[in-house]
Amino acid sequence: MKSSLMLRGMLGAFAIAALGLVTPVHAESVKAGDLVISQPWTRATAGGAKVGGGYLTIENKGATADKLVGGSTEAAAKLEVHQMSTTNGVMKMHPVEGGLVIKPGKTVKLAPGGYHLMLVDLKHPFKQGEKVPVTLEFEKAGKVDVTLDVQGIGARAPSTAAGGAMMNHQHDGHMK
């Protein structure tokens, strides 16, 4: 009986420890006006890469829309809001003209293959485990500082350390 309880206790401790290995990496949420910005992350980049993507979730808890119009970072010459689209079977990336609207009561996820932050002319490669500070600019909430957690090169979400291939897409003039 005592041995059985010890075994259960050890298995329980092991299960709790194992959960720590697969728990998603969550940076703190940032509140700005009616907006809550969570899970900011980016991928590590290969040496010589000139662009990087930034991903996060924006929830609008207010009664009026706000708009992500751009941003800045010391890690790159420019930070733009981009969108992926498919035309005639070819996936392309382009800036979001006029900014990305976050409607009241809605959540917008910036993720690989959709809306994302485009960091253009990187000053250095991003390495897994680093932090990349960025300032987002909203029409109503103003400037908001967040930190992107750098995940592995093939990461598909902030909880994934590696894996998943990057999608083939054109950078419409960003790659030289």
N, C-alpha and C. Protein backbone atom coordinates (compact mmCIF):
# COMPACT_ATOMS: atom_id res chain seq x y z
N MET A 1 0.84 -1.19 0.00
CA MET A 1 0.00 0.00 0.00
C MET A 1 0.87 1.24 0.00
N LYS A 2 1.86 1.29 0.94
CA LYS A 2 2.75 2.44 1.02
C LYS A 2 3.54 2.58 -0.28
N SER A 3 3.98 1.46 -0.83
CA SER A 3 4.73 1.45 -2.09
C SER A 3 3.86 1.97 -3.23
N SER A 4 2.59 1.58 -3.24
CA SER A 4 1.66 2.02 -4.28
C SER A 4 1.44 3.53 -4.21
N LEU A 5 1.31 4.07 -3.00
CA LEU A 5 1.14 5.52 -2.83
C LEU A 5 2.39 6.27 -3.28
N MET A 6 3.56 5.73 -2.95
CA MET A 6 4.81 6.37 -3.37
C MET A 6 4.91 6.38 -4.90
N LEU A 7 4.54 5.25 -5.52
CA LEU A 7 4.60 5.16 -6.97
C LEU A 7 3.65 6.17 -7.61
N ARG A 8 2.41 6.27 -7.08
CA ARG A 8 1.46 7.25 -7.60
C ARG A 8 2.00 8.66 -7.43
N GLY A 9 2.59 8.94 -6.28
CA GLY A 9 3.15 10.27 -6.03
C GLY A 9 4.27 10.59 -7.01
N MET A 10 5.13 9.61 -7.26
CA MET A 10 6.23 9.82 -8.20
C MET A 10 5.69 10.00 -9.61
N LEU A 11 4.70 9.20 -10.00
CA LEU A 11 4.10 9.35 -11.33
C LEU A 11 3.42 10.71 -11.47
N GLY A 12 2.75 11.15 -10.42
CA GLY A 12 2.11 12.47 -10.45
C GLY A 12 3.15 13.57 -10.59
N ALA A 13 4.25 13.47 -9.85
CA ALA A 13 5.32 14.47 -9.95
C ALA A 13 5.93 14.45 -11.34
N PHE A 14 6.11 13.25 -11.90
CA PHE A 14 6.65 13.14 -13.26
C PHE A 14 5.70 13.78 -14.27
N ALA A 15 4.40 13.52 -14.12
CA ALA A 15 3.42 14.10 -15.05
C ALA A 15 3.43 15.62 -14.98
N ILE A 16 3.52 16.17 -13.77
CA ILE A 16 3.57 17.62 -13.62
C ILE A 16 4.85 18.17 -14.25
N ALA A 17 5.96 17.50 -14.03
CA ALA A 17 7.23 17.94 -14.64
C ALA A 17 7.15 17.86 -16.16
N ALA A 18 6.54 16.79 -16.67
CA ALA A 18 6.42 16.64 -18.13
C ALA A 18 5.55 17.74 -18.71
N LEU A 19 4.52 18.15 -18.01
CA LEU A 19 3.68 19.24 -18.49
C LEU A 19 4.50 20.51 -18.67
N GLY A 20 5.45 20.72 -17.80
CA GLY A 20 6.31 21.89 -17.93
C GLY A 20 7.09 21.89 -19.23
N LEU A 21 7.35 20.71 -19.77
CA LEU A 21 8.10 20.61 -21.02
C LEU A 21 7.25 20.96 -22.24
N VAL A 22 5.94 20.81 -22.15
CA VAL A 22 5.09 21.06 -23.31
C VAL A 22 4.18 22.27 -23.14
N THR A 23 4.26 22.93 -22.01
CA THR A 23 3.43 24.10 -21.80
C THR A 23 3.86 25.19 -22.75
N PRO A 24 2.91 25.85 -23.44
CA PRO A 24 3.25 26.92 -24.37
C PRO A 24 4.03 28.03 -23.69
N VAL A 25 4.93 28.63 -24.46
CA VAL A 25 5.68 29.77 -23.97
C VAL A 25 4.79 30.99 -24.12
N HIS A 26 4.43 31.62 -23.03
CA HIS A 26 3.56 32.79 -23.09
C HIS A 26 4.29 33.98 -22.49
N ALA A 27 4.53 34.98 -23.31
CA ALA A 27 5.02 36.23 -22.78
C ALA A 27 3.84 36.88 -22.07
N GLU A 28 4.12 37.81 -21.19
CA GLU A 28 3.03 38.49 -20.51
C GLU A 28 2.17 39.23 -21.52
N SER A 29 0.87 39.28 -21.24
CA SER A 29 -0.03 40.07 -22.06
C SER A 29 0.18 41.54 -21.74
N VAL A 30 -0.01 42.37 -22.76
CA VAL A 30 0.13 43.81 -22.60
C VAL A 30 -1.23 44.43 -22.87
N LYS A 31 -1.69 45.28 -21.95
CA LYS A 31 -2.97 45.97 -22.13
C LYS A 31 -2.68 47.40 -22.55
N ALA A 32 -3.36 47.86 -23.60
CA ALA A 32 -3.22 49.23 -24.09
C ALA A 32 -4.60 49.74 -24.46
N GLY A 33 -5.17 50.59 -23.63
CA GLY A 33 -6.53 51.04 -23.87
C GLY A 33 -7.46 49.84 -23.81
N ASP A 34 -8.26 49.63 -24.85
CA ASP A 34 -9.18 48.50 -24.90
C ASP A 34 -8.55 47.25 -25.50
N LEU A 35 -7.28 47.33 -25.88
CA LEU A 35 -6.62 46.21 -26.54
C LEU A 35 -5.81 45.38 -25.56
N VAL A 36 -5.81 44.06 -25.78
CA VAL A 36 -4.93 43.15 -25.05
C VAL A 36 -4.08 42.44 -26.09
N ILE A 37 -2.77 42.59 -25.97
CA ILE A 37 -1.83 41.98 -26.92
C ILE A 37 -1.14 40.84 -26.20
N SER A 38 -1.19 39.65 -26.79
CA SER A 38 -0.62 38.47 -26.14
C SER A 38 0.17 37.61 -27.12
N GLN A 39 0.96 36.71 -26.58
CA GLN A 39 1.77 35.74 -27.31
C GLN A 39 2.62 36.35 -28.42
N PRO A 40 3.38 37.40 -28.14
CA PRO A 40 4.25 37.96 -29.19
C PRO A 40 5.48 37.07 -29.40
N TRP A 41 5.74 36.69 -30.65
CA TRP A 41 6.88 35.83 -30.93
C TRP A 41 7.37 36.04 -32.35
N THR A 42 8.54 35.52 -32.63
CA THR A 42 9.13 35.53 -33.95
C THR A 42 9.93 34.25 -34.11
N ARG A 43 10.42 34.02 -35.31
CA ARG A 43 11.27 32.86 -35.58
C ARG A 43 12.73 33.29 -35.62
N ALA A 44 13.60 32.37 -35.27
CA ALA A 44 15.03 32.59 -35.50
C ALA A 44 15.22 32.72 -37.01
N THR A 45 16.22 33.50 -37.41
CA THR A 45 16.49 33.70 -38.84
C THR A 45 17.86 33.15 -39.19
N ALA A 46 18.00 32.75 -40.43
CA ALA A 46 19.29 32.27 -40.93
C ALA A 46 20.24 33.46 -41.05
N GLY A 47 21.53 33.20 -40.91
CA GLY A 47 22.51 34.27 -41.09
C GLY A 47 22.35 34.89 -42.46
N GLY A 48 22.40 36.20 -42.54
CA GLY A 48 22.26 36.90 -43.80
C GLY A 48 20.83 37.23 -44.18
N ALA A 49 19.85 36.72 -43.43
CA ALA A 49 18.44 37.03 -43.73
C ALA A 49 18.20 38.52 -43.56
N LYS A 50 17.45 39.10 -44.47
CA LYS A 50 17.14 40.53 -44.42
C LYS A 50 15.76 40.82 -43.87
N VAL A 51 14.92 39.80 -43.74
CA VAL A 51 13.56 39.99 -43.23
C VAL A 51 13.23 38.95 -42.17
N GLY A 52 12.31 39.31 -41.30
CA GLY A 52 11.80 38.40 -40.29
C GLY A 52 10.33 38.69 -40.06
N GLY A 53 9.60 37.73 -39.55
CA GLY A 53 8.17 37.92 -39.28
C GLY A 53 7.92 38.00 -37.79
N GLY A 54 6.90 38.73 -37.42
CA GLY A 54 6.48 38.83 -36.03
C GLY A 54 5.02 38.42 -35.92
N TYR A 55 4.69 37.72 -34.84
CA TYR A 55 3.36 37.15 -34.69
C TYR A 55 2.85 37.44 -33.28
N LEU A 56 1.54 37.65 -33.15
CA LEU A 56 0.93 37.93 -31.86
C LEU A 56 -0.58 37.91 -32.00
N THR A 57 -1.26 38.04 -30.88
CA THR A 57 -2.72 38.07 -30.86
C THR A 57 -3.16 39.41 -30.28
N ILE A 58 -4.15 40.04 -30.93
CA ILE A 58 -4.68 41.32 -30.46
C ILE A 58 -6.18 41.14 -30.21
N GLU A 59 -6.60 41.38 -28.98
CA GLU A 59 -8.01 41.29 -28.62
C GLU A 59 -8.52 42.69 -28.32
N ASN A 60 -9.64 43.06 -28.93
CA ASN A 60 -10.25 44.37 -28.69
C ASN A 60 -11.43 44.17 -27.75
N LYS A 61 -11.28 44.60 -26.50
CA LYS A 61 -12.34 44.45 -25.49
C LYS A 61 -13.24 45.67 -25.43
N GLY A 62 -13.03 46.62 -26.32
CA GLY A 62 -13.79 47.86 -26.30
C GLY A 62 -15.03 47.83 -27.17
N ALA A 63 -15.66 49.01 -27.26
CA ALA A 63 -16.89 49.16 -28.04
C ALA A 63 -16.63 49.79 -29.40
N THR A 64 -15.38 50.21 -29.66
CA THR A 64 -15.04 50.81 -30.96
C THR A 64 -13.82 50.12 -31.55
N ALA A 65 -13.73 50.16 -32.86
CA ALA A 65 -12.61 49.53 -33.56
C ALA A 65 -11.32 50.32 -33.32
N ASP A 66 -10.20 49.64 -33.43
CA ASP A 66 -8.88 50.28 -33.44
C ASP A 66 -8.15 49.70 -34.64
N LYS A 67 -7.01 50.28 -34.95
CA LYS A 67 -6.29 49.87 -36.16
C LYS A 67 -4.79 49.83 -35.87
N LEU A 68 -4.16 48.69 -36.19
CA LEU A 68 -2.71 48.56 -36.14
C LEU A 68 -2.16 49.17 -37.42
N VAL A 69 -1.46 50.31 -37.30
CA VAL A 69 -1.02 51.04 -38.49
C VAL A 69 0.47 50.86 -38.79
N GLY A 70 1.23 50.29 -37.86
CA GLY A 70 2.65 50.08 -38.11
C GLY A 70 3.40 49.89 -36.82
N GLY A 71 4.67 50.23 -36.86
CA GLY A 71 5.50 50.09 -35.67
C GLY A 71 6.95 50.34 -35.99
N SER A 72 7.79 50.04 -35.00
CA SER A 72 9.23 50.23 -35.18
C SER A 72 9.97 49.26 -34.26
N THR A 73 11.24 49.07 -34.56
CA THR A 73 12.12 48.24 -33.74
C THR A 73 13.56 48.61 -34.03
N GLU A 74 14.39 48.49 -33.03
CA GLU A 74 15.83 48.73 -33.21
C GLU A 74 16.47 47.58 -33.98
N ALA A 75 15.76 46.44 -34.08
CA ALA A 75 16.31 45.24 -34.72
C ALA A 75 16.23 45.28 -36.24
N ALA A 76 15.47 46.24 -36.80
CA ALA A 76 15.29 46.31 -38.26
C ALA A 76 15.07 47.76 -38.68
N ALA A 77 15.32 48.02 -39.96
CA ALA A 77 15.11 49.38 -40.49
C ALA A 77 13.64 49.75 -40.50
N LYS A 78 12.76 48.77 -40.79
CA LYS A 78 11.32 49.04 -40.87
C LYS A 78 10.53 47.91 -40.24
N LEU A 79 9.35 48.26 -39.73
CA LEU A 79 8.39 47.27 -39.26
C LEU A 79 7.07 47.62 -39.93
N GLU A 80 6.53 46.67 -40.70
CA GLU A 80 5.29 46.88 -41.44
C GLU A 80 4.29 45.78 -41.10
N VAL A 81 3.01 46.06 -41.34
CA VAL A 81 1.97 45.05 -41.18
C VAL A 81 1.72 44.46 -42.56
N HIS A 82 1.84 43.13 -42.67
CA HIS A 82 1.70 42.44 -43.95
C HIS A 82 0.61 41.38 -43.88
N GLN A 83 0.23 40.93 -45.08
CA GLN A 83 -0.77 39.87 -45.22
C GLN A 83 -0.32 38.93 -46.33
N MET A 84 -0.58 37.65 -46.14
CA MET A 84 -0.35 36.66 -47.18
C MET A 84 -1.65 36.49 -47.96
N SER A 85 -1.53 36.34 -49.29
CA SER A 85 -2.71 36.06 -50.12
C SER A 85 -2.28 35.13 -51.24
N THR A 86 -3.24 34.40 -51.78
CA THR A 86 -2.96 33.47 -52.87
C THR A 86 -3.69 33.94 -54.12
N THR A 87 -2.92 34.12 -55.21
CA THR A 87 -3.48 34.50 -56.50
C THR A 87 -2.99 33.50 -57.54
N ASN A 88 -3.91 32.86 -58.25
CA ASN A 88 -3.56 31.86 -59.26
C ASN A 88 -2.62 30.79 -58.70
N GLY A 89 -2.87 30.37 -57.47
CA GLY A 89 -2.08 29.32 -56.85
C GLY A 89 -0.72 29.75 -56.34
N VAL A 90 -0.41 31.05 -56.43
CA VAL A 90 0.88 31.56 -55.95
C VAL A 90 0.64 32.39 -54.70
N MET A 91 1.32 32.02 -53.61
CA MET A 91 1.18 32.77 -52.38
C MET A 91 2.09 33.98 -52.43
N LYS A 92 1.53 35.15 -52.14
CA LYS A 92 2.30 36.39 -52.13
C LYS A 92 2.09 37.12 -50.82
N MET A 93 3.04 37.97 -50.51
CA MET A 93 2.96 38.77 -49.31
C MET A 93 2.94 40.23 -49.72
N HIS A 94 2.11 41.02 -49.03
CA HIS A 94 2.05 42.44 -49.35
C HIS A 94 1.65 43.23 -48.10
N PRO A 95 2.03 44.52 -48.05
CA PRO A 95 1.63 45.35 -46.91
C PRO A 95 0.11 45.50 -46.84
N VAL A 96 -0.41 45.66 -45.63
CA VAL A 96 -1.83 45.91 -45.43
C VAL A 96 -2.03 47.42 -45.57
N GLU A 97 -2.69 47.83 -46.65
CA GLU A 97 -2.90 49.25 -46.91
C GLU A 97 -3.85 49.86 -45.88
N GLY A 98 -3.43 50.95 -45.26
CA GLY A 98 -4.28 51.66 -44.31
C GLY A 98 -4.31 51.08 -42.91
N GLY A 99 -3.66 49.94 -42.70
CA GLY A 99 -3.60 49.33 -41.37
C GLY A 99 -4.57 48.18 -41.20
N LEU A 100 -4.38 47.44 -40.13
CA LEU A 100 -5.17 46.25 -39.82
C LEU A 100 -6.22 46.61 -38.77
N VAL A 101 -7.50 46.52 -39.14
CA VAL A 101 -8.60 46.87 -38.25
C VAL A 101 -8.85 45.74 -37.26
N ILE A 102 -8.98 46.12 -35.98
CA ILE A 102 -9.38 45.18 -34.93
C ILE A 102 -10.75 45.63 -34.46
N LYS A 103 -11.79 44.92 -34.88
CA LYS A 103 -13.17 45.30 -34.59
C LYS A 103 -13.48 45.10 -33.11
N PRO A 104 -14.45 45.87 -32.58
CA PRO A 104 -14.81 45.73 -31.17
C PRO A 104 -15.30 44.32 -30.85
N GLY A 105 -14.83 43.79 -29.72
CA GLY A 105 -15.23 42.46 -29.30
C GLY A 105 -14.60 41.33 -30.08
N LYS A 106 -13.66 41.63 -30.95
CA LYS A 106 -13.03 40.61 -31.80
C LYS A 106 -11.56 40.43 -31.45
N THR A 107 -11.02 39.30 -31.89
CA THR A 107 -9.61 38.98 -31.72
C THR A 107 -9.00 38.74 -33.09
N VAL A 108 -7.85 39.34 -33.33
CA VAL A 108 -7.12 39.15 -34.59
C VAL A 108 -5.79 38.48 -34.25
N LYS A 109 -5.53 37.38 -34.94
CA LYS A 109 -4.29 36.64 -34.70
C LYS A 109 -3.34 36.89 -35.87
N LEU A 110 -2.16 37.41 -35.56
CA LEU A 110 -1.09 37.55 -36.56
C LEU A 110 -0.28 36.26 -36.46
N ALA A 111 -0.28 35.47 -37.55
CA ALA A 111 0.31 34.14 -37.51
C ALA A 111 0.93 33.82 -38.87
N PRO A 112 1.84 32.84 -38.91
CA PRO A 112 2.42 32.44 -40.19
C PRO A 112 1.33 32.10 -41.21
N GLY A 113 1.50 32.59 -42.43
CA GLY A 113 0.55 32.32 -43.50
C GLY A 113 -0.62 33.28 -43.58
N GLY A 114 -0.68 34.27 -42.68
CA GLY A 114 -1.78 35.23 -42.68
C GLY A 114 -1.24 36.63 -42.41
N TYR A 115 -1.96 37.37 -41.61
CA TYR A 115 -1.46 38.68 -41.18
C TYR A 115 -0.22 38.47 -40.32
N HIS A 116 0.75 39.37 -40.43
CA HIS A 116 1.96 39.28 -39.62
C HIS A 116 2.70 40.61 -39.64
N LEU A 117 3.63 40.76 -38.72
CA LEU A 117 4.53 41.90 -38.73
C LEU A 117 5.70 41.54 -39.63
N MET A 118 6.13 42.45 -40.48
CA MET A 118 7.29 42.21 -41.34
C MET A 118 8.40 43.14 -40.88
N LEU A 119 9.48 42.56 -40.39
CA LEU A 119 10.66 43.31 -39.97
C LEU A 119 11.61 43.30 -41.16
N VAL A 120 11.85 44.47 -41.74
CA VAL A 120 12.58 44.61 -43.00
C VAL A 120 13.98 45.17 -42.74
N ASP A 121 14.97 44.61 -43.45
CA ASP A 121 16.38 44.99 -43.30
C ASP A 121 16.86 44.77 -41.87
N LEU A 122 16.84 43.50 -41.47
CA LEU A 122 17.30 43.13 -40.12
C LEU A 122 18.73 43.59 -39.90
N LYS A 123 19.01 44.04 -38.70
CA LYS A 123 20.36 44.50 -38.36
C LYS A 123 21.25 43.34 -37.95
N HIS A 124 20.65 42.22 -37.53
CA HIS A 124 21.39 40.99 -37.18
C HIS A 124 20.40 39.83 -37.19
N PRO A 125 20.90 38.60 -37.34
CA PRO A 125 19.99 37.44 -37.31
C PRO A 125 19.37 37.28 -35.91
N PHE A 126 18.15 36.77 -35.87
CA PHE A 126 17.50 36.46 -34.60
C PHE A 126 17.91 35.04 -34.20
N LYS A 127 18.30 34.87 -32.95
CA LYS A 127 18.70 33.56 -32.45
C LYS A 127 17.67 33.06 -31.44
N GLN A 128 17.36 31.77 -31.52
CA GLN A 128 16.39 31.16 -30.61
C GLN A 128 16.74 31.50 -29.17
N GLY A 129 15.74 31.91 -28.40
CA GLY A 129 15.93 32.26 -27.00
C GLY A 129 16.11 33.75 -26.76
N GLU A 130 16.40 34.50 -27.82
CA GLU A 130 16.55 35.95 -27.67
C GLU A 130 15.19 36.61 -27.52
N LYS A 131 15.21 37.88 -27.19
CA LYS A 131 14.02 38.72 -27.10
C LYS A 131 14.21 39.89 -28.06
N VAL A 132 13.17 40.23 -28.82
CA VAL A 132 13.24 41.34 -29.77
C VAL A 132 12.18 42.37 -29.38
N PRO A 133 12.61 43.52 -28.83
CA PRO A 133 11.64 44.56 -28.47
C PRO A 133 11.12 45.26 -29.72
N VAL A 134 9.80 45.45 -29.78
CA VAL A 134 9.18 46.20 -30.87
C VAL A 134 8.16 47.17 -30.27
N THR A 135 7.90 48.24 -31.00
CA THR A 135 6.85 49.19 -30.63
C THR A 135 5.79 49.13 -31.71
N LEU A 136 4.58 48.75 -31.32
CA LEU A 136 3.45 48.72 -32.24
C LEU A 136 2.75 50.07 -32.17
N GLU A 137 2.20 50.50 -33.31
CA GLU A 137 1.48 51.77 -33.31
C GLU A 137 0.04 51.55 -33.75
N PHE A 138 -0.88 51.93 -32.86
CA PHE A 138 -2.31 51.80 -33.10
C PHE A 138 -2.91 53.19 -33.29
N GLU A 139 -3.97 53.26 -34.08
CA GLU A 139 -4.65 54.52 -34.33
C GLU A 139 -5.18 55.14 -33.04
N LYS A 140 -5.79 54.33 -32.16
CA LYS A 140 -6.38 54.86 -30.93
C LYS A 140 -5.54 54.55 -29.69
N ALA A 141 -5.05 53.34 -29.56
CA ALA A 141 -4.30 52.94 -28.37
C ALA A 141 -2.90 53.56 -28.35
N GLY A 142 -2.44 54.08 -29.49
CA GLY A 142 -1.12 54.72 -29.55
C GLY A 142 0.01 53.72 -29.65
N LYS A 143 1.18 54.12 -29.14
CA LYS A 143 2.37 53.27 -29.21
C LYS A 143 2.39 52.29 -28.04
N VAL A 144 2.65 51.02 -28.37
CA VAL A 144 2.64 49.95 -27.38
C VAL A 144 3.91 49.12 -27.53
N ASP A 145 4.67 49.01 -26.45
CA ASP A 145 5.90 48.21 -26.46
C ASP A 145 5.59 46.76 -26.12
N VAL A 146 6.07 45.84 -26.95
CA VAL A 146 5.96 44.41 -26.69
C VAL A 146 7.32 43.77 -27.01
N THR A 147 7.53 42.58 -26.52
CA THR A 147 8.77 41.86 -26.77
C THR A 147 8.46 40.54 -27.45
N LEU A 148 9.05 40.34 -28.63
CA LEU A 148 8.87 39.10 -29.37
C LEU A 148 9.85 38.06 -28.83
N ASP A 149 9.35 36.90 -28.43
CA ASP A 149 10.20 35.78 -28.01
C ASP A 149 10.65 35.04 -29.26
N VAL A 150 11.96 34.85 -29.42
CA VAL A 150 12.48 34.19 -30.61
C VAL A 150 12.42 32.67 -30.42
N GLN A 151 11.62 32.02 -31.28
CA GLN A 151 11.47 30.57 -31.30
C GLN A 151 12.40 29.99 -32.37
N GLY A 152 12.38 28.68 -32.56
CA GLY A 152 13.21 28.03 -33.56
C GLY A 152 12.86 28.45 -34.98
N ILE A 153 13.77 28.22 -35.91
CA ILE A 153 13.58 28.65 -37.31
C ILE A 153 12.28 28.14 -37.90
N GLY A 154 11.91 26.89 -37.66
CA GLY A 154 10.71 26.33 -38.27
C GLY A 154 9.46 26.42 -37.41
N ALA A 155 9.48 27.19 -36.33
CA ALA A 155 8.34 27.25 -35.41
C ALA A 155 7.07 27.68 -36.13
N ARG A 156 5.95 27.06 -35.75
CA ARG A 156 4.64 27.39 -36.31
C ARG A 156 3.79 28.16 -35.30
N ALA A 157 4.19 28.13 -34.04
CA ALA A 157 3.46 28.80 -32.96
C ALA A 157 4.44 29.02 -31.81
N PRO A 158 4.09 29.87 -30.85
CA PRO A 158 5.05 30.17 -29.79
C PRO A 158 5.40 28.98 -28.91
N SER A 159 4.58 27.93 -28.88
CA SER A 159 4.88 26.78 -28.05
C SER A 159 5.75 25.75 -28.76
N THR A 160 6.01 25.96 -30.03
CA THR A 160 6.79 25.01 -30.82
C THR A 160 8.23 25.47 -30.88
N ALA A 161 9.13 24.66 -30.37
CA ALA A 161 10.54 25.04 -30.39
C ALA A 161 11.16 24.81 -31.77
N ALA A 162 10.65 23.84 -32.51
CA ALA A 162 11.19 23.57 -33.85
C ALA A 162 10.17 22.76 -34.62
N GLY A 163 10.44 22.60 -35.90
CA GLY A 163 9.58 21.79 -36.74
C GLY A 163 8.69 22.64 -37.61
N GLY A 164 8.08 22.04 -38.60
CA GLY A 164 7.21 22.77 -39.51
C GLY A 164 8.02 23.56 -40.51
N ALA A 165 7.82 23.30 -41.77
CA ALA A 165 8.58 24.01 -42.79
C ALA A 165 7.96 25.36 -43.07
N MET A 166 8.80 26.32 -43.43
CA MET A 166 8.28 27.62 -43.82
C MET A 166 7.58 27.46 -45.15
N MET A 167 6.55 28.24 -45.35
CA MET A 167 5.82 28.18 -46.61
C MET A 167 6.60 28.94 -47.67
N ASN A 168 6.55 28.46 -48.90
CA ASN A 168 7.20 29.18 -50.00
C ASN A 168 6.34 30.36 -50.37
N HIS A 169 6.92 31.54 -50.31
CA HIS A 169 6.18 32.73 -50.71
C HIS A 169 7.14 33.78 -51.22
N GLN A 170 6.59 34.71 -51.99
CA GLN A 170 7.40 35.79 -52.55
C GLN A 170 7.40 36.96 -51.59
N HIS A 171 8.50 37.69 -51.56
CA HIS A 171 8.61 38.83 -50.68
C HIS A 171 8.46 40.15 -51.42
N ASP A 172 7.95 40.13 -52.65
CA ASP A 172 7.64 41.32 -53.43
C ASP A 172 8.65 42.45 -53.22
N GLY A 173 9.90 42.19 -53.53
CA GLY A 173 10.90 43.24 -53.49
C GLY A 173 11.68 43.33 -52.19
N HIS A 174 11.30 42.57 -51.15
CA HIS A 174 12.03 42.65 -49.90
C HIS A 174 13.32 41.84 -49.94
N MET A 175 13.37 40.83 -50.79
CA MET A 175 14.57 39.99 -50.90
C MET A 175 15.38 40.50 -52.08
N LYS A 176 16.67 40.63 -51.90
CA LYS A 176 17.52 41.14 -52.98
C LYS A 176 18.44 40.06 -53.49
